[in-house]
Amino acid sequence: MQVHHQIFQSSYRFWNDLCNEAAQFASQIPPELLINITHSCDHQKGVVVVWYHWPTNEKPI
């Protein structure tokens, strides 16, 4: 297994839209492979990161 991440960021979209996009992506990952979902905001830029495990021999989502 390897740890992967997907970043969702925007300085012009609403937080709700940014979080919904990250949640939609995270919903494609089997629950046992999902590590965490983190967020940050700096200078009007919102960032949401989905962290997950993925088998080494398979291409990540």
PDB file of N, CA and C in Angstrom:
ATOM      1  N   MET A   1       0.841  -1.186   0.000  1.00  0.00           N
ATOM      2  CA  MET A   1       0.000   0.000   0.000  1.00  0.00           C
ATOM      3  C   MET A   1       0.885   1.248   0.000  1.00  0.00           C
ATOM      4  N   GLN A   2       0.403   2.263  -0.684  1.00  0.00           N
ATOM      5  CA  GLN A   2       1.055   3.559  -0.681  1.00  0.00           C
ATOM      6  C   GLN A   2       0.042   4.615  -0.259  1.00  0.00           C
ATOM      7  N   VAL A   3       0.539   5.676   0.344  1.00  0.00           N
ATOM      8  CA  VAL A   3      -0.314   6.794   0.717  1.00  0.00           C
ATOM      9  C   VAL A   3      -0.369   7.776  -0.453  1.00  0.00           C
ATOM     10  N   HIS A   4      -1.583   8.192  -0.803  1.00  0.00           N
ATOM     11  CA  HIS A   4      -1.803   9.163  -1.870  1.00  0.00           C
ATOM     12  C   HIS A   4      -2.669  10.295  -1.328  1.00  0.00           C
ATOM     13  N   HIS A   5      -2.759  11.372  -2.097  1.00  0.00           N
ATOM     14  CA  HIS A   5      -3.611  12.490  -1.710  1.00  0.00           C
ATOM     15  C   HIS A   5      -4.186  13.139  -2.962  1.00  0.00           C
ATOM     16  N   GLN A   6      -5.290  13.822  -2.769  1.00  0.00           N
ATOM     17  CA  GLN A   6      -5.908  14.618  -3.827  1.00  0.00           C
ATOM     18  C   GLN A   6      -6.200  15.982  -3.222  1.00  0.00           C
ATOM     19  N   ILE A   7      -5.765  17.037  -3.897  1.00  0.00           N
ATOM     20  CA  ILE A   7      -5.922  18.393  -3.388  1.00  0.00           C
ATOM     21  C   ILE A   7      -7.044  19.108  -4.137  1.00  0.00           C
ATOM     22  N   PHE A   8      -7.900  19.780  -3.385  1.00  0.00           N
ATOM     23  CA  PHE A   8      -8.966  20.621  -3.931  1.00  0.00           C
ATOM     24  C   PHE A   8      -8.735  22.013  -3.360  1.00  0.00           C
ATOM     25  N   GLN A   9      -8.542  23.005  -4.229  1.00  0.00           N
ATOM     26  CA  GLN A   9      -8.265  24.351  -3.728  1.00  0.00           C
ATOM     27  C   GLN A   9      -8.934  25.411  -4.591  1.00  0.00           C
ATOM     28  N   SER A  10      -9.243  26.515  -3.958  1.00  0.00           N
ATOM     29  CA  SER A  10      -9.878  27.606  -4.683  1.00  0.00           C
ATOM     30  C   SER A  10      -9.803  28.875  -3.854  1.00  0.00           C
ATOM     31  N   SER A  11      -9.736  29.990  -4.534  1.00  0.00           N
ATOM     32  CA  SER A  11      -9.791  31.271  -3.841  1.00  0.00           C
ATOM     33  C   SER A  11     -11.072  32.030  -4.199  1.00  0.00           C
ATOM     34  N   TYR A  12     -11.907  31.428  -5.037  1.00  0.00           N
ATOM     35  CA  TYR A  12     -13.118  32.124  -5.476  1.00  0.00           C
ATOM     36  C   TYR A  12     -14.406  31.321  -5.284  1.00  0.00           C
ATOM     37  N   ARG A  13     -14.314  30.033  -4.963  1.00  0.00           N
ATOM     38  CA  ARG A  13     -15.524  29.217  -4.771  1.00  0.00           C
ATOM     39  C   ARG A  13     -15.935  29.200  -3.302  1.00  0.00           C
ATOM     40  N   PHE A  14     -17.208  28.945  -3.070  1.00  0.00           N
ATOM     41  CA  PHE A  14     -17.703  28.822  -1.708  1.00  0.00           C
ATOM     42  C   PHE A  14     -17.145  27.552  -1.067  1.00  0.00           C
ATOM     43  N   TRP A  15     -16.946  27.615   0.266  1.00  0.00           N
ATOM     44  CA  TRP A  15     -16.446  26.444   0.998  1.00  0.00           C
ATOM     45  C   TRP A  15     -17.336  25.228   0.778  1.00  0.00           C
ATOM     46  N   ASN A  16     -18.634  25.443   0.747  1.00  0.00           N
ATOM     47  CA  ASN A  16     -19.555  24.325   0.568  1.00  0.00           C
ATOM     48  C   ASN A  16     -19.279  23.591  -0.744  1.00  0.00           C
ATOM     49  N   ASP A  17     -19.031  24.338  -1.813  1.00  0.00           N
ATOM     50  CA  ASP A  17     -18.736  23.722  -3.109  1.00  0.00           C
ATOM     51  C   ASP A  17     -17.410  22.969  -3.085  1.00  0.00           C
ATOM     52  N   LEU A  18     -16.412  23.561  -2.467  1.00  0.00           N
ATOM     53  CA  LEU A  18     -15.099  22.927  -2.365  1.00  0.00           C
ATOM     54  C   LEU A  18     -15.183  21.634  -1.557  1.00  0.00           C
ATOM     55  N   CYS A  19     -15.889  21.671  -0.447  1.00  0.00           N
ATOM     56  CA  CYS A  19     -16.045  20.480   0.389  1.00  0.00           C
ATOM     57  C   CYS A  19     -16.879  19.408  -0.306  1.00  0.00           C
ATOM     58  N   ASN A  20     -17.905  19.815  -1.029  1.00  0.00           N
ATOM     59  CA  ASN A  20     -18.709  18.837  -1.770  1.00  0.00           C
ATOM     60  C   ASN A  20     -17.887  18.122  -2.831  1.00  0.00           C
ATOM     61  N   GLU A  21     -17.005  18.840  -3.517  1.00  0.00           N
ATOM     62  CA  GLU A  21     -16.142  18.218  -4.522  1.00  0.00           C
ATOM     63  C   GLU A  21     -15.197  17.203  -3.873  1.00  0.00           C
ATOM     64  N   ALA A  22     -14.617  17.571  -2.737  1.00  0.00           N
ATOM     65  CA  ALA A  22     -13.730  16.656  -2.019  1.00  0.00           C
ATOM     66  C   ALA A  22     -14.504  15.440  -1.504  1.00  0.00           C
ATOM     67  N   ALA A  23     -15.715  15.657  -1.008  1.00  0.00           N
ATOM     68  CA  ALA A  23     -16.533  14.553  -0.508  1.00  0.00           C
ATOM     69  C   ALA A  23     -16.929  13.596  -1.625  1.00  0.00           C
ATOM     70  N   GLN A  24     -17.232  14.137  -2.793  1.00  0.00           N
ATOM     71  CA  GLN A  24     -17.578  13.295  -3.938  1.00  0.00           C
ATOM     72  C   GLN A  24     -16.388  12.411  -4.315  1.00  0.00           C
ATOM     73  N   PHE A  25     -15.185  12.984  -4.327  1.00  0.00           N
ATOM     74  CA  PHE A  25     -13.992  12.193  -4.613  1.00  0.00           C
ATOM     75  C   PHE A  25     -13.787  11.131  -3.541  1.00  0.00           C
ATOM     76  N   ALA A  26     -13.880  11.532  -2.268  1.00  0.00           N
ATOM     77  CA  ALA A  26     -13.657  10.611  -1.157  1.00  0.00           C
ATOM     78  C   ALA A  26     -14.669   9.459  -1.160  1.00  0.00           C
ATOM     79  N   SER A  27     -15.869   9.701  -1.668  1.00  0.00           N
ATOM     80  CA  SER A  27     -16.901   8.659  -1.716  1.00  0.00           C
ATOM     81  C   SER A  27     -16.548   7.535  -2.679  1.00  0.00           C
ATOM     82  N   GLN A  28     -15.606   7.772  -3.578  1.00  0.00           N
ATOM     83  CA  GLN A  28     -15.170   6.741  -4.524  1.00  0.00           C
ATOM     84  C   GLN A  28     -14.137   5.796  -3.915  1.00  0.00           C
ATOM     85  N   ILE A  29     -13.604   6.167  -2.759  1.00  0.00           N
ATOM     86  CA  ILE A  29     -12.551   5.388  -2.107  1.00  0.00           C
ATOM     87  C   ILE A  29     -13.197   4.440  -1.099  1.00  0.00           C
ATOM     88  N   PRO A  30     -12.827   3.150  -1.124  1.00  0.00           N
ATOM     89  CA  PRO A  30     -13.362   2.233  -0.113  1.00  0.00           C
ATOM     90  C   PRO A  30     -13.046   2.760   1.297  1.00  0.00           C
ATOM     91  N   PRO A  31     -14.005   2.705   2.210  1.00  0.00           N
ATOM     92  CA  PRO A  31     -13.813   3.274   3.553  1.00  0.00           C
ATOM     93  C   PRO A  31     -12.554   2.781   4.264  1.00  0.00           C
ATOM     94  N   GLU A  32     -12.187   1.536   4.053  1.00  0.00           N
ATOM     95  CA  GLU A  32     -11.011   0.999   4.740  1.00  0.00           C
ATOM     96  C   GLU A  32      -9.697   1.575   4.193  1.00  0.00           C
ATOM     97  N   LEU A  33      -9.752   2.252   3.042  1.00  0.00           N
ATOM     98  CA  LEU A  33      -8.553   2.855   2.457  1.00  0.00           C
ATOM     99  C   LEU A  33      -8.462   4.363   2.696  1.00  0.00           C
ATOM    100  N   LEU A  34      -9.549   4.963   3.160  1.00  0.00           N
ATOM    101  CA  LEU A  34      -9.572   6.400   3.428  1.00  0.00           C
ATOM    102  C   LEU A  34      -8.852   6.681   4.743  1.00  0.00           C
ATOM    103  N   ILE A  35      -7.871   7.575   4.707  1.00  0.00           N
ATOM    104  CA  ILE A  35      -7.107   7.906   5.908  1.00  0.00           C
ATOM    105  C   ILE A  35      -7.731   9.094   6.630  1.00  0.00           C
ATOM    106  N   ASN A  36      -7.893  10.212   5.896  1.00  0.00           N
ATOM    107  CA  ASN A  36      -8.386  11.430   6.530  1.00  0.00           C
ATOM    108  C   ASN A  36      -8.731  12.462   5.460  1.00  0.00           C
ATOM    109  N   ILE A  37      -9.474  13.470   5.868  1.00  0.00           N
ATOM    110  CA  ILE A  37      -9.742  14.632   5.025  1.00  0.00           C
ATOM    111  C   ILE A  37      -9.363  15.850   5.860  1.00  0.00           C
ATOM    112  N   THR A  38      -8.446  16.676   5.314  1.00  0.00           N
ATOM    113  CA  THR A  38      -7.977  17.843   6.044  1.00  0.00           C
ATOM    114  C   THR A  38      -8.324  19.112   5.274  1.00  0.00           C
ATOM    115  N   HIS A  39      -8.302  20.236   5.976  1.00  0.00           N
ATOM    116  CA  HIS A  39      -8.596  21.510   5.312  1.00  0.00           C
ATOM    117  C   HIS A  39      -7.753  22.631   5.910  1.00  0.00           C
ATOM    118  N   SER A  40      -7.608  23.694   5.136  1.00  0.00           N
ATOM    119  CA  SER A  40      -6.856  24.859   5.566  1.00  0.00           C
ATOM    120  C   SER A  40      -7.343  26.077   4.785  1.00  0.00           C
ATOM    121  N   CYS A  41      -7.140  27.236   5.353  1.00  0.00           N
ATOM    122  CA  CYS A  41      -7.482  28.483   4.671  1.00  0.00           C
ATOM    123  C   CYS A  41      -6.364  29.478   4.937  1.00  0.00           C
ATOM    124  N   ASP A  42      -5.875  30.114   3.866  1.00  0.00           N
ATOM    125  CA  ASP A  42      -4.802  31.083   3.997  1.00  0.00           C
ATOM    126  C   ASP A  42      -4.966  32.150   2.927  1.00  0.00           C
ATOM    127  N   HIS A  43      -5.039  33.406   3.329  1.00  0.00           N
ATOM    128  CA  HIS A  43      -5.164  34.519   2.385  1.00  0.00           C
ATOM    129  C   HIS A  43      -6.311  34.299   1.397  1.00  0.00           C
ATOM    130  N   GLN A  44      -7.470  33.961   1.905  1.00  0.00           N
ATOM    131  CA  GLN A  44      -8.687  33.765   1.097  1.00  0.00           C
ATOM    132  C   GLN A  44      -8.635  32.537   0.189  1.00  0.00           C
ATOM    133  N   LYS A  45      -7.671  31.652   0.371  1.00  0.00           N
ATOM    134  CA  LYS A  45      -7.578  30.442  -0.444  1.00  0.00           C
ATOM    135  C   LYS A  45      -7.924  29.239   0.435  1.00  0.00           C
ATOM    136  N   GLY A  46      -8.969  28.503   0.040  1.00  0.00           N
ATOM    137  CA  GLY A  46      -9.360  27.316   0.764  1.00  0.00           C
ATOM    138  C   GLY A  46      -8.723  26.088   0.137  1.00  0.00           C
ATOM    139  N   VAL A  47      -8.276  25.165   0.979  1.00  0.00           N
ATOM    140  CA  VAL A  47      -7.658  23.929   0.509  1.00  0.00           C
ATOM    141  C   VAL A  47      -8.237  22.765   1.298  1.00  0.00           C
ATOM    142  N   VAL A  48      -8.678  21.729   0.585  1.00  0.00           N
ATOM    143  CA  VAL A  48      -9.144  20.492   1.195  1.00  0.00           C
ATOM    144  C   VAL A  48      -8.307  19.372   0.595  1.00  0.00           C
ATOM    145  N   VAL A  49      -7.770  18.495   1.446  1.00  0.00           N
ATOM    146  CA  VAL A  49      -6.937  17.384   0.979  1.00  0.00           C
ATOM    147  C   VAL A  49      -7.552  16.073   1.452  1.00  0.00           C
ATOM    148  N   VAL A  50      -7.716  15.149   0.521  1.00  0.00           N
ATOM    149  CA  VAL A  50      -8.194  13.804   0.831  1.00  0.00           C
ATOM    150  C   VAL A  50      -6.972  12.881   0.830  1.00  0.00           C
ATOM    151  N   TRP A  51      -6.725  12.236   1.971  1.00  0.00           N
ATOM    152  CA  TRP A  51      -5.596  11.316   2.126  1.00  0.00           C
ATOM    153  C   TRP A  51      -6.124   9.890   2.120  1.00  0.00           C
ATOM    154  N   TYR A  52      -5.453   9.004   1.349  1.00  0.00           N
ATOM    155  CA  TYR A  52      -5.932   7.631   1.264  1.00  0.00           C
ATOM    156  C   TYR A  52      -4.809   6.659   0.910  1.00  0.00           C
ATOM    157  N   HIS A  53      -5.019   5.398   1.278  1.00  0.00           N
ATOM    158  CA  HIS A  53      -4.115   4.310   0.891  1.00  0.00           C
ATOM    159  C   HIS A  53      -4.573   3.780  -0.462  1.00  0.00           C
ATOM    160  N   TRP A  54      -3.631   3.264  -1.256  1.00  0.00           N
ATOM    161  CA  TRP A  54      -3.989   2.612  -2.519  1.00  0.00           C
ATOM    162  C   TRP A  54      -2.982   1.512  -2.781  1.00  0.00           C
ATOM    163  N   PRO A  55      -3.441   0.354  -3.265  1.00  0.00           N
ATOM    164  CA  PRO A  55      -2.503  -0.746  -3.536  1.00  0.00           C
ATOM    165  C   PRO A  55      -1.371  -0.296  -4.464  1.00  0.00           C
ATOM    166  N   THR A  56      -0.175  -0.732  -4.156  1.00  0.00           N
ATOM    167  CA  THR A  56       1.026  -0.344  -4.895  1.00  0.00           C
ATOM    168  C   THR A  56       0.940  -0.702  -6.366  1.00  0.00           C
ATOM    169  N   ASN A  57       0.327  -1.824  -6.698  1.00  0.00           N
ATOM    170  CA  ASN A  57       0.292  -2.299  -8.067  1.00  0.00           C
ATOM    171  C   ASN A  57      -0.885  -1.756  -8.883  1.00  0.00           C
ATOM    172  N   GLU A  58      -1.686  -0.848  -8.315  1.00  0.00           N
ATOM    173  CA  GLU A  58      -2.827  -0.267  -9.020  1.00  0.00           C
ATOM    174  C   GLU A  58      -2.649   1.234  -9.161  1.00  0.00           C
ATOM    175  N   LYS A  59      -3.174   1.780 -10.251  1.00  0.00           N
ATOM    176  CA  LYS A  59      -3.150   3.229 -10.455  1.00  0.00           C
ATOM    177  C   LYS A  59      -4.144   3.884  -9.506  1.00  0.00           C
ATOM    178  N   PRO A  60      -3.721   4.931  -8.776  1.00  0.00           N
ATOM    179  CA  PRO A  60      -4.660   5.582  -7.850  1.00  0.00           C
ATOM    180  C   PRO A  60      -5.786   6.292  -8.588  1.00  0.00           C
ATOM    181  N   ILE A  61      -6.828   6.575  -7.851  1.00  0.00           N
ATOM    182  CA  ILE A  61      -8.003   7.251  -8.422  1.00  0.00           C
ATOM    183  C   ILE A  61      -7.609   8.616  -8.944  1.00  0.00           C
TER     184      ILE A  61
END
